[in-house]
């Protein structure tokens, strides 16, 4: 697949088949991630590959977050809420959690660590597309919640930045469009 074709053709696809993904493909996706640019070569990313029952770790985190702040009740409503949250982990046969683990050393700027991990996610999404798989990058409050950090053994300063739900597409890839680059670009050609 030609590079610009891949960039223009990649889309978020939220409905995938539950067929397992070959380990070799998963390893290629991860390898694409680690080649993202990162200032000072800090490699601030951590990947959590979840398949089969391994997705239960994510499901349990979702359930704990859904029930946070509720009394320790075993009400039908509370249990249903937790179960609905838990099921989110099983929307795809493969989920890769991508976290930033900022390096605490002289000269490292935290926002650059985040930028590197976001670049890794884009590399991974393009690799997924190139492998003719489908993915959606899910984020949101549960992703950034301290209980998510706890579930994956992350430190307080670390953050889960996204969950890539990956599988064989089970829907038509949606069309998309963007505003032309010219509408978002300011050319500065003279220092005046």
N, C-alpha and C. Protein backbone atom coordinates (compact mmCIF):
# COMPACT_ATOMS: atom_id res chain seq x y z
N UNK A 1 0.86 -1.18 0.00
CA UNK A 1 0.00 0.00 0.00
C UNK A 1 0.90 1.23 0.00
N UNK A 2 0.62 2.14 -0.89
CA UNK A 2 1.39 3.37 -1.00
C UNK A 2 1.12 4.25 0.22
N UNK A 3 2.13 4.99 0.69
CA UNK A 3 2.05 5.75 1.93
C UNK A 3 0.88 6.72 1.97
N UNK A 4 0.75 7.57 0.96
CA UNK A 4 -0.32 8.56 0.99
C UNK A 4 -1.69 7.92 0.87
N UNK A 5 -1.77 6.83 0.15
CA UNK A 5 -3.02 6.07 0.07
C UNK A 5 -3.39 5.54 1.46
N UNK A 6 -2.41 5.05 2.19
CA UNK A 6 -2.66 4.55 3.54
C UNK A 6 -3.12 5.67 4.47
N UNK A 7 -2.47 6.81 4.39
CA UNK A 7 -2.83 7.94 5.25
C UNK A 7 -4.26 8.40 4.94
N UNK A 8 -4.59 8.51 3.67
CA UNK A 8 -5.93 8.98 3.28
C UNK A 8 -7.01 7.93 3.50
N UNK A 9 -6.65 6.66 3.42
CA UNK A 9 -7.65 5.59 3.49
C UNK A 9 -7.92 5.04 4.88
N UNK A 10 -7.04 5.30 5.83
CA UNK A 10 -7.23 4.76 7.17
C UNK A 10 -8.43 5.42 7.84
N UNK A 11 -9.28 4.61 8.45
CA UNK A 11 -10.47 5.10 9.14
C UNK A 11 -10.65 4.32 10.43
N UNK A 12 -11.37 4.91 11.35
CA UNK A 12 -11.77 4.19 12.56
C UNK A 12 -12.92 3.27 12.21
N UNK A 13 -12.76 2.00 12.56
CA UNK A 13 -13.80 0.99 12.29
C UNK A 13 -14.09 0.31 13.62
N UNK A 14 -15.28 0.55 14.14
CA UNK A 14 -15.62 0.05 15.47
C UNK A 14 -16.26 -1.33 15.50
N UNK A 15 -16.65 -1.86 14.36
CA UNK A 15 -17.29 -3.18 14.35
C UNK A 15 -16.36 -4.16 13.65
N UNK A 16 -15.88 -5.13 14.43
CA UNK A 16 -14.94 -6.12 13.90
C UNK A 16 -15.40 -7.54 14.26
N UNK A 17 -14.90 -8.49 13.47
CA UNK A 17 -15.17 -9.91 13.73
C UNK A 17 -14.35 -10.35 14.94
N UNK A 18 -14.78 -11.41 15.57
CA UNK A 18 -14.07 -11.90 16.77
C UNK A 18 -12.98 -12.93 16.46
N UNK A 19 -12.64 -13.08 15.18
CA UNK A 19 -11.58 -14.02 14.81
C UNK A 19 -10.25 -13.55 15.40
N UNK A 20 -9.45 -14.49 15.94
CA UNK A 20 -8.15 -14.10 16.52
C UNK A 20 -7.23 -13.50 15.45
N UNK A 21 -6.34 -12.64 15.90
CA UNK A 21 -5.35 -12.02 15.04
C UNK A 21 -4.02 -12.74 15.24
N UNK A 22 -3.37 -13.09 14.14
CA UNK A 22 -2.09 -13.82 14.21
C UNK A 22 -1.05 -13.01 14.98
N UNK A 23 -0.29 -13.70 15.80
CA UNK A 23 0.75 -13.07 16.61
C UNK A 23 1.74 -12.28 15.75
N UNK A 24 2.07 -12.81 14.56
CA UNK A 24 3.02 -12.12 13.68
C UNK A 24 2.49 -10.74 13.29
N UNK A 25 1.19 -10.64 13.07
CA UNK A 25 0.61 -9.33 12.73
C UNK A 25 0.66 -8.40 13.94
N UNK A 26 0.38 -8.94 15.11
CA UNK A 26 0.44 -8.12 16.32
C UNK A 26 1.85 -7.58 16.52
N UNK A 27 2.84 -8.43 16.33
CA UNK A 27 4.23 -8.01 16.49
C UNK A 27 4.61 -6.94 15.47
N UNK A 28 4.08 -7.02 14.26
CA UNK A 28 4.36 -5.98 13.25
C UNK A 28 3.73 -4.65 13.65
N UNK A 29 2.54 -4.71 14.23
CA UNK A 29 1.87 -3.49 14.71
C UNK A 29 2.70 -2.84 15.81
N UNK A 30 3.17 -3.64 16.76
CA UNK A 30 3.99 -3.12 17.86
C UNK A 30 5.30 -2.54 17.34
N UNK A 31 5.90 -3.24 16.38
CA UNK A 31 7.16 -2.78 15.80
C UNK A 31 6.98 -1.43 15.12
N UNK A 32 5.85 -1.24 14.46
CA UNK A 32 5.57 0.07 13.83
C UNK A 32 5.52 1.15 14.91
N UNK A 33 4.93 0.85 16.04
CA UNK A 33 4.83 1.82 17.13
C UNK A 33 6.16 2.29 17.65
N UNK A 34 7.09 1.38 17.80
CA UNK A 34 8.37 1.77 18.42
C UNK A 34 9.26 2.61 17.51
N UNK A 35 8.88 2.74 16.23
CA UNK A 35 9.67 3.56 15.31
C UNK A 35 9.17 4.99 15.24
N UNK A 36 8.29 5.37 16.15
CA UNK A 36 7.83 6.76 16.20
C UNK A 36 8.98 7.66 16.64
N UNK A 37 8.97 8.90 16.16
CA UNK A 37 10.01 9.83 16.61
C UNK A 37 9.84 10.11 18.10
N UNK A 38 10.96 10.20 18.80
CA UNK A 38 10.90 10.55 20.22
C UNK A 38 12.19 11.26 20.61
N UNK A 39 11.99 12.47 21.12
CA UNK A 39 13.11 13.33 21.47
C UNK A 39 13.98 12.66 22.53
N UNK A 40 15.26 12.71 22.34
CA UNK A 40 16.25 12.11 23.25
C UNK A 40 16.15 10.59 23.34
N UNK A 41 15.45 9.99 22.39
CA UNK A 41 15.28 8.53 22.33
C UNK A 41 14.84 7.95 23.68
N UNK A 42 13.85 8.58 24.28
CA UNK A 42 13.35 8.12 25.58
C UNK A 42 12.45 6.89 25.47
N UNK A 43 11.87 6.66 24.29
CA UNK A 43 10.96 5.53 24.07
C UNK A 43 9.94 5.43 25.22
N UNK A 44 9.10 6.45 25.38
CA UNK A 44 8.22 6.53 26.55
C UNK A 44 6.93 5.72 26.47
N UNK A 45 6.82 4.83 25.51
CA UNK A 45 5.59 4.05 25.33
C UNK A 45 5.65 2.71 26.05
N UNK A 46 4.48 2.26 26.45
CA UNK A 46 4.31 0.90 26.97
C UNK A 46 3.07 0.35 26.30
N UNK A 47 3.16 -0.91 25.87
CA UNK A 47 2.05 -1.55 25.18
C UNK A 47 1.54 -2.72 26.02
N UNK A 48 0.24 -2.83 26.12
CA UNK A 48 -0.40 -3.93 26.84
C UNK A 48 -1.27 -4.67 25.84
N UNK A 49 -0.83 -5.86 25.42
CA UNK A 49 -1.54 -6.63 24.40
C UNK A 49 -2.49 -7.59 25.11
N UNK A 50 -3.78 -7.43 24.79
CA UNK A 50 -4.81 -8.25 25.45
C UNK A 50 -5.62 -9.02 24.40
N UNK A 51 -5.61 -10.34 24.55
CA UNK A 51 -6.40 -11.22 23.69
C UNK A 51 -7.11 -12.22 24.59
N UNK A 52 -8.07 -12.93 24.03
CA UNK A 52 -8.77 -13.96 24.78
C UNK A 52 -9.22 -13.47 26.14
N UNK A 53 -8.99 -14.28 27.16
CA UNK A 53 -9.39 -13.91 28.52
C UNK A 53 -8.49 -12.83 29.11
N UNK A 54 -7.38 -12.54 28.47
CA UNK A 54 -6.51 -11.44 28.91
C UNK A 54 -7.22 -10.10 28.87
N UNK A 55 -8.28 -10.01 28.05
CA UNK A 55 -9.06 -8.78 28.00
C UNK A 55 -9.83 -8.55 29.30
N UNK A 56 -9.90 -9.59 30.14
CA UNK A 56 -10.57 -9.46 31.43
C UNK A 56 -9.91 -8.43 32.33
N UNK A 57 -8.61 -8.23 32.20
CA UNK A 57 -7.91 -7.20 33.00
C UNK A 57 -8.52 -5.84 32.69
N UNK A 58 -8.71 -5.55 31.41
CA UNK A 58 -9.33 -4.29 31.00
C UNK A 58 -10.79 -4.26 31.44
N UNK A 59 -11.50 -5.37 31.25
CA UNK A 59 -12.90 -5.43 31.66
C UNK A 59 -13.09 -5.16 33.14
N UNK A 60 -12.23 -5.72 33.95
CA UNK A 60 -12.31 -5.50 35.40
C UNK A 60 -12.04 -4.04 35.75
N UNK A 61 -11.10 -3.41 35.01
CA UNK A 61 -10.82 -1.99 35.25
C UNK A 61 -12.04 -1.15 34.88
N UNK A 62 -12.62 -1.43 33.73
CA UNK A 62 -13.84 -0.71 33.32
C UNK A 62 -14.94 -0.86 34.39
N UNK A 63 -15.12 -2.08 34.88
CA UNK A 63 -16.17 -2.33 35.88
C UNK A 63 -15.89 -1.57 37.17
N UNK A 64 -14.66 -1.58 37.63
CA UNK A 64 -14.30 -0.86 38.86
C UNK A 64 -14.52 0.64 38.71
N UNK A 65 -14.19 1.17 37.55
CA UNK A 65 -14.38 2.60 37.30
C UNK A 65 -15.88 2.92 37.27
N UNK A 66 -16.66 2.06 36.64
CA UNK A 66 -18.11 2.28 36.55
C UNK A 66 -18.76 2.30 37.92
N UNK A 67 -18.24 1.52 38.85
CA UNK A 67 -18.84 1.42 40.19
C UNK A 67 -18.19 2.35 41.21
N UNK A 68 -17.17 3.07 40.80
CA UNK A 68 -16.48 3.95 41.75
C UNK A 68 -17.45 4.96 42.33
N UNK A 69 -17.33 5.16 43.62
CA UNK A 69 -18.17 6.13 44.30
C UNK A 69 -19.54 5.62 44.68
N UNK A 70 -19.87 4.43 44.24
CA UNK A 70 -21.15 3.84 44.62
C UNK A 70 -20.98 3.10 45.94
N UNK A 71 -22.03 3.03 46.70
CA UNK A 71 -21.93 2.21 47.91
C UNK A 71 -21.64 0.76 47.52
N UNK A 72 -21.05 0.03 48.41
CA UNK A 72 -20.69 -1.36 48.14
C UNK A 72 -21.93 -2.23 48.02
N UNK A 73 -22.87 -1.78 47.25
CA UNK A 73 -24.12 -2.54 47.14
C UNK A 73 -24.00 -3.58 46.04
N UNK A 74 -24.75 -4.60 46.19
CA UNK A 74 -24.83 -5.64 45.18
C UNK A 74 -26.19 -5.55 44.49
N UNK A 75 -26.69 -4.32 44.38
CA UNK A 75 -27.98 -4.13 43.73
C UNK A 75 -27.91 -4.58 42.29
N UNK A 76 -29.03 -4.94 41.77
CA UNK A 76 -29.12 -5.40 40.39
C UNK A 76 -28.63 -4.30 39.44
N UNK A 77 -29.00 -3.07 39.75
CA UNK A 77 -28.61 -1.93 38.91
C UNK A 77 -27.10 -1.74 38.92
N UNK A 78 -26.49 -1.83 40.09
CA UNK A 78 -25.04 -1.65 40.22
C UNK A 78 -24.29 -2.77 39.50
N UNK A 79 -24.76 -3.99 39.66
CA UNK A 79 -24.11 -5.13 39.00
C UNK A 79 -24.27 -5.04 37.48
N UNK A 80 -25.43 -4.60 37.02
CA UNK A 80 -25.67 -4.45 35.58
C UNK A 80 -24.76 -3.37 35.00
N UNK A 81 -24.59 -2.30 35.72
CA UNK A 81 -23.72 -1.21 35.28
C UNK A 81 -22.28 -1.70 35.14
N UNK A 82 -21.82 -2.45 36.13
CA UNK A 82 -20.46 -2.98 36.10
C UNK A 82 -20.29 -3.98 34.96
N UNK A 83 -21.29 -4.82 34.74
CA UNK A 83 -21.21 -5.82 33.68
C UNK A 83 -21.20 -5.16 32.30
N UNK A 84 -22.01 -4.13 32.12
CA UNK A 84 -22.03 -3.41 30.84
C UNK A 84 -20.67 -2.78 30.57
N UNK A 85 -20.06 -2.23 31.59
CA UNK A 85 -18.72 -1.64 31.43
C UNK A 85 -17.69 -2.72 31.13
N UNK A 86 -17.77 -3.85 31.83
CA UNK A 86 -16.82 -4.96 31.64
C UNK A 86 -16.86 -5.46 30.19
N UNK A 87 -18.04 -5.52 29.60
CA UNK A 87 -18.20 -6.06 28.24
C UNK A 87 -17.48 -5.22 27.19
N UNK A 88 -17.22 -3.97 27.51
CA UNK A 88 -16.53 -3.10 26.54
C UNK A 88 -15.16 -3.65 26.15
N UNK A 89 -14.54 -4.41 27.05
CA UNK A 89 -13.21 -4.95 26.78
C UNK A 89 -13.25 -6.04 25.71
N UNK A 90 -14.42 -6.55 25.41
CA UNK A 90 -14.55 -7.69 24.50
C UNK A 90 -15.12 -7.29 23.14
N UNK A 91 -15.07 -6.00 22.80
CA UNK A 91 -15.61 -5.54 21.53
C UNK A 91 -14.75 -5.93 20.34
N UNK A 92 -13.53 -6.37 20.60
CA UNK A 92 -12.62 -6.80 19.53
C UNK A 92 -11.78 -7.96 20.06
N UNK A 93 -11.27 -8.81 19.18
CA UNK A 93 -10.47 -9.94 19.64
C UNK A 93 -9.09 -9.54 20.16
N UNK A 94 -8.67 -8.34 19.80
CA UNK A 94 -7.36 -7.84 20.22
C UNK A 94 -7.52 -6.40 20.69
N UNK A 95 -7.02 -6.13 21.88
CA UNK A 95 -7.00 -4.76 22.40
C UNK A 95 -5.55 -4.48 22.81
N UNK A 96 -5.04 -3.37 22.32
CA UNK A 96 -3.69 -2.96 22.73
C UNK A 96 -3.84 -1.64 23.50
N UNK A 97 -3.50 -1.68 24.78
CA UNK A 97 -3.45 -0.46 25.57
C UNK A 97 -2.11 0.22 25.31
N UNK A 98 -2.15 1.53 25.08
CA UNK A 98 -0.92 2.28 24.82
C UNK A 98 -0.80 3.36 25.89
N UNK A 99 0.27 3.28 26.66
CA UNK A 99 0.48 4.21 27.77
C UNK A 99 1.75 5.02 27.56
N UNK A 100 1.76 6.19 28.17
CA UNK A 100 2.97 7.01 28.21
C UNK A 100 3.58 6.83 29.60
N UNK A 101 4.87 6.57 29.61
CA UNK A 101 5.65 6.45 30.84
C UNK A 101 6.76 7.49 30.73
N UNK A 102 6.44 8.73 31.14
CA UNK A 102 7.42 9.82 30.97
C UNK A 102 8.72 9.54 31.72
N UNK A 103 9.82 9.82 31.05
CA UNK A 103 11.13 9.65 31.66
C UNK A 103 11.43 10.85 32.54
N UNK A 104 11.93 10.60 33.71
CA UNK A 104 12.24 11.66 34.66
C UNK A 104 13.75 11.86 34.68
N UNK A 105 14.23 12.58 33.67
CA UNK A 105 15.66 12.85 33.62
C UNK A 105 15.88 14.22 33.00
N UNK A 106 17.01 14.76 33.23
CA UNK A 106 17.36 16.11 32.78
C UNK A 106 17.14 16.27 31.28
N UNK A 107 16.50 17.37 30.92
CA UNK A 107 16.30 17.70 29.52
C UNK A 107 15.07 17.10 28.88
N UNK A 108 14.38 16.21 29.58
CA UNK A 108 13.18 15.59 29.02
C UNK A 108 11.98 16.47 29.33
N UNK A 109 11.25 16.83 28.30
CA UNK A 109 10.07 17.67 28.44
C UNK A 109 8.84 16.77 28.33
N UNK A 110 7.99 16.80 29.36
CA UNK A 110 6.89 15.85 29.45
C UNK A 110 5.97 15.86 28.24
N UNK A 111 5.62 17.03 27.73
CA UNK A 111 4.69 17.07 26.59
C UNK A 111 5.28 16.37 25.37
N UNK A 112 6.60 16.38 25.24
CA UNK A 112 7.23 15.66 24.13
C UNK A 112 7.10 14.15 24.29
N UNK A 113 7.05 13.69 25.51
CA UNK A 113 6.83 12.26 25.76
C UNK A 113 5.43 11.85 25.28
N UNK A 114 4.44 12.70 25.57
CA UNK A 114 3.08 12.44 25.10
C UNK A 114 3.04 12.45 23.57
N UNK A 115 3.70 13.45 22.98
CA UNK A 115 3.72 13.55 21.52
C UNK A 115 4.30 12.30 20.88
N UNK A 116 5.36 11.76 21.47
CA UNK A 116 5.98 10.55 20.94
C UNK A 116 5.01 9.37 20.98
N UNK A 117 4.28 9.25 22.07
CA UNK A 117 3.34 8.12 22.18
C UNK A 117 2.18 8.29 21.21
N UNK A 118 1.71 9.53 21.04
CA UNK A 118 0.66 9.75 20.05
C UNK A 118 1.17 9.41 18.64
N UNK A 119 2.42 9.73 18.35
CA UNK A 119 3.01 9.36 17.06
C UNK A 119 3.09 7.84 16.93
N UNK A 120 3.41 7.15 18.01
CA UNK A 120 3.45 5.69 17.99
C UNK A 120 2.07 5.12 17.67
N UNK A 121 1.04 5.70 18.27
CA UNK A 121 -0.33 5.24 17.99
C UNK A 121 -0.65 5.42 16.51
N UNK A 122 -0.29 6.56 15.93
CA UNK A 122 -0.56 6.77 14.50
C UNK A 122 0.19 5.75 13.65
N UNK A 123 1.45 5.49 13.98
CA UNK A 123 2.20 4.46 13.26
C UNK A 123 1.48 3.12 13.34
N UNK A 124 0.99 2.79 14.52
CA UNK A 124 0.30 1.52 14.72
C UNK A 124 -0.99 1.47 13.92
N UNK A 125 -1.74 2.56 13.91
CA UNK A 125 -2.99 2.59 13.15
C UNK A 125 -2.73 2.44 11.66
N UNK A 126 -1.67 3.05 11.17
CA UNK A 126 -1.32 2.89 9.76
C UNK A 126 -0.88 1.46 9.47
N UNK A 127 -0.13 0.85 10.38
CA UNK A 127 0.28 -0.55 10.20
C UNK A 127 -0.95 -1.47 10.19
N UNK A 128 -1.88 -1.23 11.09
CA UNK A 128 -3.11 -2.02 11.15
C UNK A 128 -3.83 -1.93 9.81
N UNK A 129 -3.96 -0.73 9.29
CA UNK A 129 -4.61 -0.51 7.99
C UNK A 129 -3.84 -1.23 6.89
N UNK A 130 -2.52 -1.12 6.91
CA UNK A 130 -1.69 -1.77 5.91
C UNK A 130 -1.79 -3.29 5.95
N UNK A 131 -2.10 -3.83 7.11
CA UNK A 131 -2.28 -5.28 7.27
C UNK A 131 -3.71 -5.71 6.96
N UNK A 132 -4.52 -4.76 6.45
CA UNK A 132 -5.91 -4.99 6.08
C UNK A 132 -6.77 -5.40 7.27
N UNK A 133 -6.41 -4.87 8.43
CA UNK A 133 -7.22 -5.04 9.62
C UNK A 133 -7.96 -3.73 9.88
N UNK A 134 -8.84 -3.75 10.85
CA UNK A 134 -9.60 -2.57 11.22
C UNK A 134 -9.31 -2.24 12.68
N UNK A 135 -9.44 -0.97 13.01
CA UNK A 135 -9.19 -0.56 14.39
C UNK A 135 -9.94 0.72 14.70
N UNK A 136 -10.16 0.89 15.99
CA UNK A 136 -10.64 2.16 16.51
C UNK A 136 -9.79 2.48 17.73
N UNK A 137 -9.40 3.73 17.84
CA UNK A 137 -8.59 4.21 18.96
C UNK A 137 -9.56 4.82 19.95
N UNK A 138 -9.78 4.14 21.07
CA UNK A 138 -10.71 4.62 22.08
C UNK A 138 -9.95 5.31 23.21
N UNK A 139 -10.52 6.44 23.61
CA UNK A 139 -9.95 7.21 24.72
C UNK A 139 -11.11 7.57 25.65
N UNK A 140 -10.97 8.60 26.42
CA UNK A 140 -12.04 9.05 27.29
C UNK A 140 -11.70 8.87 28.76
N UNK A 141 -12.58 9.35 29.60
CA UNK A 141 -12.34 9.39 31.04
C UNK A 141 -11.89 8.04 31.63
N UNK A 142 -12.56 6.92 31.33
CA UNK A 142 -12.08 5.66 31.93
C UNK A 142 -10.62 5.36 31.59
N UNK A 143 -10.21 5.73 30.40
CA UNK A 143 -8.84 5.48 29.96
C UNK A 143 -7.83 6.20 30.85
N UNK A 144 -8.17 7.40 31.28
CA UNK A 144 -7.24 8.23 32.04
C UNK A 144 -7.43 8.10 33.56
N UNK A 145 -8.35 7.29 33.97
CA UNK A 145 -8.71 7.16 35.38
C UNK A 145 -7.58 6.50 36.19
N UNK A 146 -7.36 6.94 37.43
CA UNK A 146 -6.33 6.31 38.27
C UNK A 146 -6.52 4.80 38.44
N UNK A 147 -7.77 4.32 38.43
CA UNK A 147 -7.99 2.88 38.55
C UNK A 147 -7.49 2.12 37.31
N UNK A 148 -7.48 2.79 36.16
CA UNK A 148 -6.91 2.17 34.95
C UNK A 148 -5.40 2.05 35.14
N UNK A 149 -4.78 3.10 35.64
CA UNK A 149 -3.33 3.04 35.93
C UNK A 149 -3.04 1.89 36.89
N UNK A 150 -3.82 1.81 37.94
CA UNK A 150 -3.62 0.76 38.94
C UNK A 150 -3.75 -0.63 38.32
N UNK A 151 -4.76 -0.82 37.48
CA UNK A 151 -4.99 -2.13 36.87
C UNK A 151 -3.81 -2.59 36.03
N UNK A 152 -3.11 -1.64 35.42
CA UNK A 152 -2.01 -2.00 34.54
C UNK A 152 -0.63 -1.74 35.15
N UNK A 153 -0.60 -1.47 36.45
CA UNK A 153 0.67 -1.30 37.14
C UNK A 153 1.43 -0.05 36.72
N UNK A 154 0.69 0.97 36.33
CA UNK A 154 1.32 2.23 35.93
C UNK A 154 1.47 3.15 37.14
N UNK A 155 2.48 3.99 37.09
CA UNK A 155 2.72 4.94 38.17
C UNK A 155 1.71 6.09 38.06
N UNK A 156 1.65 6.92 39.09
CA UNK A 156 0.73 8.06 39.09
C UNK A 156 1.00 9.00 37.93
N UNK A 157 2.27 9.21 37.57
CA UNK A 157 2.62 10.15 36.50
C UNK A 157 2.45 9.56 35.10
N UNK A 158 2.19 8.26 35.02
CA UNK A 158 1.97 7.60 33.73
C UNK A 158 0.50 7.75 33.34
N UNK A 159 0.19 7.54 32.07
CA UNK A 159 -1.20 7.61 31.60
C UNK A 159 -1.43 6.60 30.50
N UNK A 160 -2.56 5.93 30.58
CA UNK A 160 -3.02 5.13 29.46
C UNK A 160 -3.59 6.16 28.48
N UNK A 161 -3.05 6.23 27.27
CA UNK A 161 -3.47 7.25 26.32
C UNK A 161 -4.44 6.73 25.28
N UNK A 162 -4.62 5.45 25.25
CA UNK A 162 -5.58 4.93 24.29
C UNK A 162 -5.64 3.43 24.32
N UNK A 163 -6.77 2.93 23.85
CA UNK A 163 -6.99 1.50 23.72
C UNK A 163 -7.32 1.25 22.26
N UNK A 164 -6.47 0.48 21.60
CA UNK A 164 -6.70 0.16 20.19
C UNK A 164 -7.47 -1.14 20.12
N UNK A 165 -8.69 -1.07 19.64
CA UNK A 165 -9.53 -2.25 19.43
C UNK A 165 -9.32 -2.68 17.99
N UNK A 166 -8.84 -3.91 17.80
CA UNK A 166 -8.36 -4.35 16.50
C UNK A 166 -8.99 -5.68 16.11
N UNK A 167 -9.36 -5.81 14.83
CA UNK A 167 -9.88 -7.07 14.31
C UNK A 167 -10.08 -7.00 12.81
N UNK A 168 -10.62 -8.06 12.27
CA UNK A 168 -11.01 -8.07 10.86
C UNK A 168 -12.26 -7.21 10.75
N UNK A 169 -12.34 -6.33 9.74
CA UNK A 169 -13.51 -5.46 9.64
C UNK A 169 -14.80 -6.26 9.45
N UNK A 170 -15.86 -5.81 10.11
CA UNK A 170 -17.17 -6.45 9.99
C UNK A 170 -18.22 -5.39 9.61
N UNK A 171 -17.77 -4.42 8.84
CA UNK A 171 -18.65 -3.36 8.36
C UNK A 171 -17.94 -2.67 7.21
N UNK A 172 -18.68 -1.93 6.44
CA UNK A 172 -18.06 -1.14 5.39
C UNK A 172 -17.26 -0.02 6.05
N UNK A 173 -16.10 0.24 5.49
CA UNK A 173 -15.26 1.32 6.02
C UNK A 173 -15.94 2.65 5.68
N UNK A 174 -16.20 3.46 6.70
CA UNK A 174 -16.90 4.71 6.44
C UNK A 174 -16.07 5.70 5.62
N UNK A 175 -16.76 6.46 4.80
CA UNK A 175 -16.09 7.51 4.04
C UNK A 175 -15.82 8.68 4.99
N UNK A 176 -14.83 9.45 4.67
CA UNK A 176 -14.52 10.61 5.49
C UNK A 176 -13.92 11.68 4.60
N UNK A 177 -13.86 12.85 5.10
CA UNK A 177 -13.21 13.92 4.38
C UNK A 177 -12.61 14.87 5.39
N UNK A 178 -11.72 15.69 4.93
CA UNK A 178 -11.08 16.68 5.77
C UNK A 178 -11.16 18.02 5.05
N UNK A 179 -11.06 19.08 5.83
CA UNK A 179 -10.91 20.40 5.24
C UNK A 179 -9.56 20.42 4.51
N UNK A 180 -9.46 21.14 3.43
CA UNK A 180 -8.17 21.19 2.74
C UNK A 180 -7.09 21.77 3.67
N UNK A 181 -5.88 21.28 3.51
CA UNK A 181 -4.77 21.78 4.32
C UNK A 181 -4.64 23.29 4.19
N UNK A 182 -4.96 23.81 3.03
CA UNK A 182 -4.84 25.25 2.81
C UNK A 182 -5.73 26.06 3.75
N UNK A 183 -6.84 25.47 4.21
CA UNK A 183 -7.73 26.19 5.12
C UNK A 183 -7.20 26.23 6.55
N UNK A 184 -6.17 25.47 6.82
CA UNK A 184 -5.59 25.39 8.17
C UNK A 184 -4.13 25.83 8.20
N UNK A 185 -3.68 26.43 7.11
CA UNK A 185 -2.26 26.72 6.96
C UNK A 185 -2.01 28.21 6.78
N UNK A 186 -1.01 28.71 7.45
CA UNK A 186 -0.54 30.09 7.28
C UNK A 186 0.89 29.98 6.77
N UNK A 187 1.13 30.52 5.61
CA UNK A 187 2.47 30.52 5.03
C UNK A 187 3.21 31.77 5.51
N UNK A 188 4.39 31.58 6.05
CA UNK A 188 5.22 32.70 6.51
C UNK A 188 6.50 32.65 5.68
N UNK A 189 6.58 33.55 4.72
CA UNK A 189 7.71 33.53 3.80
C UNK A 189 8.61 34.75 3.91
N UNK A 190 8.18 35.67 4.76
CA UNK A 190 8.96 36.89 4.94
C UNK A 190 8.97 37.19 6.44
N UNK A 191 10.10 37.53 6.97
CA UNK A 191 10.23 37.75 8.42
C UNK A 191 9.68 39.09 8.88
N UNK A 192 9.10 39.86 8.00
CA UNK A 192 8.59 41.20 8.38
C UNK A 192 7.39 41.10 9.25
